[in-house]
N, C-alpha and C. Protein backbone atom coordinates (compact mmCIF):
# COMPACT_ATOMS: atom_id res chain seq x y z
N MET A 1 97.66 -63.11 91.22
CA MET A 1 96.46 -63.73 90.67
C MET A 1 95.31 -63.57 91.67
N SER A 2 94.21 -63.01 91.20
CA SER A 2 93.07 -62.81 92.09
C SER A 2 92.10 -63.99 92.00
N LYS A 3 91.18 -64.02 92.94
CA LYS A 3 90.21 -65.12 92.96
C LYS A 3 89.23 -65.05 91.80
N TYR A 4 89.21 -63.94 91.06
CA TYR A 4 88.29 -63.80 89.93
C TYR A 4 88.97 -63.94 88.56
N ASN A 5 90.24 -64.30 88.52
CA ASN A 5 90.95 -64.42 87.23
C ASN A 5 90.25 -65.37 86.26
N ILE A 6 89.74 -66.46 86.76
CA ILE A 6 89.04 -67.42 85.89
C ILE A 6 87.82 -66.76 85.26
N LEU A 7 87.11 -65.96 86.04
CA LEU A 7 85.94 -65.23 85.53
C LEU A 7 86.36 -64.22 84.49
N TRP A 8 87.42 -63.46 84.75
CA TRP A 8 87.88 -62.45 83.78
C TRP A 8 88.27 -63.11 82.46
N GLU A 9 88.95 -64.24 82.53
CA GLU A 9 89.35 -64.96 81.31
C GLU A 9 88.12 -65.46 80.55
N TYR A 10 87.12 -65.94 81.28
CA TYR A 10 85.88 -66.41 80.67
C TYR A 10 85.20 -65.26 79.91
N ILE A 11 85.13 -64.10 80.56
CA ILE A 11 84.49 -62.93 79.95
C ILE A 11 85.23 -62.50 78.69
N GLN A 12 86.55 -62.48 78.76
CA GLN A 12 87.36 -62.09 77.61
C GLN A 12 87.16 -63.06 76.45
N LYS A 13 87.13 -64.36 76.73
CA LYS A 13 86.95 -65.37 75.67
C LYS A 13 85.55 -65.31 75.07
N LYS A 14 84.57 -64.92 75.88
CA LYS A 14 83.19 -64.81 75.38
C LYS A 14 83.14 -63.79 74.24
N GLY A 15 83.84 -62.66 74.40
CA GLY A 15 84.02 -61.70 73.32
C GLY A 15 82.81 -60.90 72.90
N GLN A 16 81.71 -61.02 73.59
CA GLN A 16 80.50 -60.27 73.22
C GLN A 16 80.61 -58.82 73.68
N PRO A 17 79.95 -57.89 72.96
CA PRO A 17 80.01 -56.48 73.33
C PRO A 17 79.41 -56.18 74.70
N SER A 18 78.35 -56.92 75.06
CA SER A 18 77.68 -56.72 76.34
C SER A 18 76.90 -57.98 76.69
N PHE A 19 76.94 -58.37 77.95
CA PHE A 19 76.16 -59.53 78.38
C PHE A 19 75.97 -59.50 79.89
N LYS A 20 75.04 -60.33 80.35
CA LYS A 20 74.66 -60.38 81.76
C LYS A 20 74.92 -61.77 82.31
N LEU A 21 75.45 -61.83 83.53
CA LEU A 21 75.62 -63.09 84.25
C LEU A 21 74.94 -62.97 85.60
N THR A 22 74.35 -64.05 86.06
CA THR A 22 73.77 -64.07 87.40
C THR A 22 74.87 -64.31 88.42
N PHE A 23 74.59 -63.98 89.67
CA PHE A 23 75.55 -64.25 90.74
C PHE A 23 75.88 -65.74 90.78
N GLU A 24 74.87 -66.57 90.55
CA GLU A 24 75.07 -68.03 90.57
C GLU A 24 76.00 -68.47 89.44
N GLU A 25 75.81 -67.90 88.24
CA GLU A 25 76.69 -68.23 87.12
C GLU A 25 78.12 -67.79 87.42
N ILE A 26 78.27 -66.62 88.01
CA ILE A 26 79.60 -66.12 88.37
C ILE A 26 80.26 -67.06 89.37
N GLN A 27 79.51 -67.52 90.35
CA GLN A 27 80.05 -68.45 91.33
C GLN A 27 80.47 -69.76 90.66
N ASN A 28 79.66 -70.26 89.74
CA ASN A 28 80.00 -71.50 89.04
C ASN A 28 81.26 -71.36 88.20
N ILE A 29 81.43 -70.22 87.55
CA ILE A 29 82.59 -69.98 86.69
C ILE A 29 83.84 -69.74 87.54
N ALA A 30 83.73 -68.85 88.52
CA ALA A 30 84.90 -68.44 89.32
C ALA A 30 85.25 -69.45 90.42
N GLY A 31 84.27 -70.26 90.80
CA GLY A 31 84.52 -71.21 91.88
C GLY A 31 84.48 -70.56 93.26
N THR A 32 83.99 -69.34 93.31
CA THR A 32 83.87 -68.61 94.57
C THR A 32 82.64 -67.71 94.48
N PRO A 33 81.92 -67.56 95.59
CA PRO A 33 80.73 -66.69 95.53
C PRO A 33 81.10 -65.23 95.38
N ILE A 34 80.24 -64.47 94.76
CA ILE A 34 80.44 -63.03 94.63
C ILE A 34 80.16 -62.41 96.00
N ASP A 35 81.04 -61.50 96.41
CA ASP A 35 80.87 -60.83 97.70
C ASP A 35 81.31 -59.37 97.56
N HIS A 36 81.39 -58.66 98.68
CA HIS A 36 81.74 -57.23 98.62
C HIS A 36 83.12 -56.99 98.02
N SER A 37 84.03 -57.95 98.12
CA SER A 37 85.37 -57.78 97.55
C SER A 37 85.31 -57.66 96.03
N PHE A 38 84.21 -58.11 95.42
CA PHE A 38 84.05 -58.01 93.97
C PHE A 38 84.18 -56.57 93.51
N LEU A 39 83.71 -55.64 94.35
CA LEU A 39 83.79 -54.22 94.01
C LEU A 39 85.24 -53.77 93.86
N LYS A 40 86.12 -54.33 94.66
CA LYS A 40 87.54 -54.01 94.57
C LYS A 40 88.18 -54.71 93.35
N TYR A 41 87.86 -55.98 93.19
CA TYR A 41 88.48 -56.78 92.14
C TYR A 41 88.01 -56.42 90.74
N LYS A 42 86.83 -55.83 90.62
CA LYS A 42 86.27 -55.55 89.28
C LYS A 42 87.18 -54.65 88.45
N LYS A 43 88.04 -53.87 89.08
CA LYS A 43 88.99 -53.01 88.36
C LYS A 43 89.96 -53.82 87.51
N GLU A 44 90.24 -55.05 87.95
CA GLU A 44 91.16 -55.92 87.20
C GLU A 44 90.61 -56.25 85.81
N LEU A 45 89.31 -56.23 85.67
CA LEU A 45 88.66 -56.60 84.41
C LEU A 45 89.05 -55.67 83.27
N LEU A 46 89.43 -54.44 83.58
CA LEU A 46 89.86 -53.49 82.56
C LEU A 46 91.03 -54.03 81.75
N GLU A 47 91.91 -54.79 82.39
CA GLU A 47 93.07 -55.38 81.71
C GLU A 47 92.64 -56.41 80.67
N TYR A 48 91.43 -56.91 80.77
CA TYR A 48 90.90 -57.92 79.86
C TYR A 48 89.98 -57.30 78.79
N GLY A 49 89.89 -55.97 78.80
CA GLY A 49 89.11 -55.28 77.77
C GLY A 49 87.64 -55.12 78.08
N TYR A 50 87.27 -55.33 79.33
CA TYR A 50 85.86 -55.23 79.74
C TYR A 50 85.74 -54.39 81.00
N GLN A 51 84.49 -53.98 81.29
CA GLN A 51 84.19 -53.28 82.52
C GLN A 51 82.85 -53.75 83.05
N VAL A 52 82.66 -53.59 84.34
CA VAL A 52 81.38 -53.88 84.96
C VAL A 52 80.49 -52.65 84.77
N LYS A 53 79.38 -52.83 84.07
CA LYS A 53 78.48 -51.71 83.84
C LYS A 53 77.50 -51.54 84.99
N LYS A 54 76.90 -52.66 85.42
CA LYS A 54 75.88 -52.57 86.47
C LYS A 54 75.84 -53.84 87.29
N ILE A 55 75.73 -53.66 88.59
CA ILE A 55 75.52 -54.77 89.51
C ILE A 55 74.13 -54.58 90.11
N SER A 56 73.25 -55.55 89.91
CA SER A 56 71.89 -55.46 90.44
C SER A 56 71.75 -56.44 91.61
N MET A 57 71.63 -55.89 92.80
CA MET A 57 71.42 -56.72 93.98
C MET A 57 70.02 -57.34 93.96
N LYS A 58 69.05 -56.60 93.43
CA LYS A 58 67.67 -57.08 93.38
C LYS A 58 67.57 -58.30 92.46
N GLU A 59 68.13 -58.18 91.24
CA GLU A 59 68.06 -59.28 90.27
C GLU A 59 69.19 -60.29 90.47
N GLN A 60 70.19 -59.92 91.27
CA GLN A 60 71.39 -60.72 91.48
C GLN A 60 72.08 -61.02 90.16
N THR A 61 72.35 -59.94 89.41
CA THR A 61 73.03 -60.05 88.11
C THR A 61 74.11 -58.99 87.99
N VAL A 62 75.03 -59.23 87.07
CA VAL A 62 76.08 -58.27 86.73
C VAL A 62 76.10 -58.13 85.22
N ILE A 63 76.10 -56.88 84.73
CA ILE A 63 76.20 -56.62 83.31
C ILE A 63 77.63 -56.20 83.01
N PHE A 64 78.23 -56.85 82.00
CA PHE A 64 79.59 -56.57 81.58
C PHE A 64 79.56 -55.94 80.19
N ASN A 65 80.40 -54.94 79.97
CA ASN A 65 80.51 -54.28 78.66
C ASN A 65 81.95 -54.32 78.18
N LYS A 66 82.10 -54.58 76.88
CA LYS A 66 83.42 -54.52 76.26
C LYS A 66 83.83 -53.06 76.12
N ILE A 67 85.09 -52.77 76.41
CA ILE A 67 85.59 -51.40 76.27
C ILE A 67 85.92 -51.18 74.81
N LEU A 68 85.39 -50.12 74.23
CA LEU A 68 85.60 -49.85 72.81
C LEU A 68 86.81 -49.01 72.58
C-alpha cells in the first residue's frame, strides 16, 4: 500500500473523464503533501483506470485523465 492509495481511490470513485486537483487538494485527500516521489507513485494510478496527464508546478495542479 502506497502513501497515495487514498488519493487513487478518490480519483477512481470520482469517475469523471478528466479533472484537475490542486496540490493542496491532493494533500488534503491523501493526508500527505505532494513531493518528488509522486512521479514514481503515479504509475500506480493505472491500476485504477486513470493516468496523470499533466503536472503544473507553476499552477500547482495535476490533471488526471480516465484511460479509455
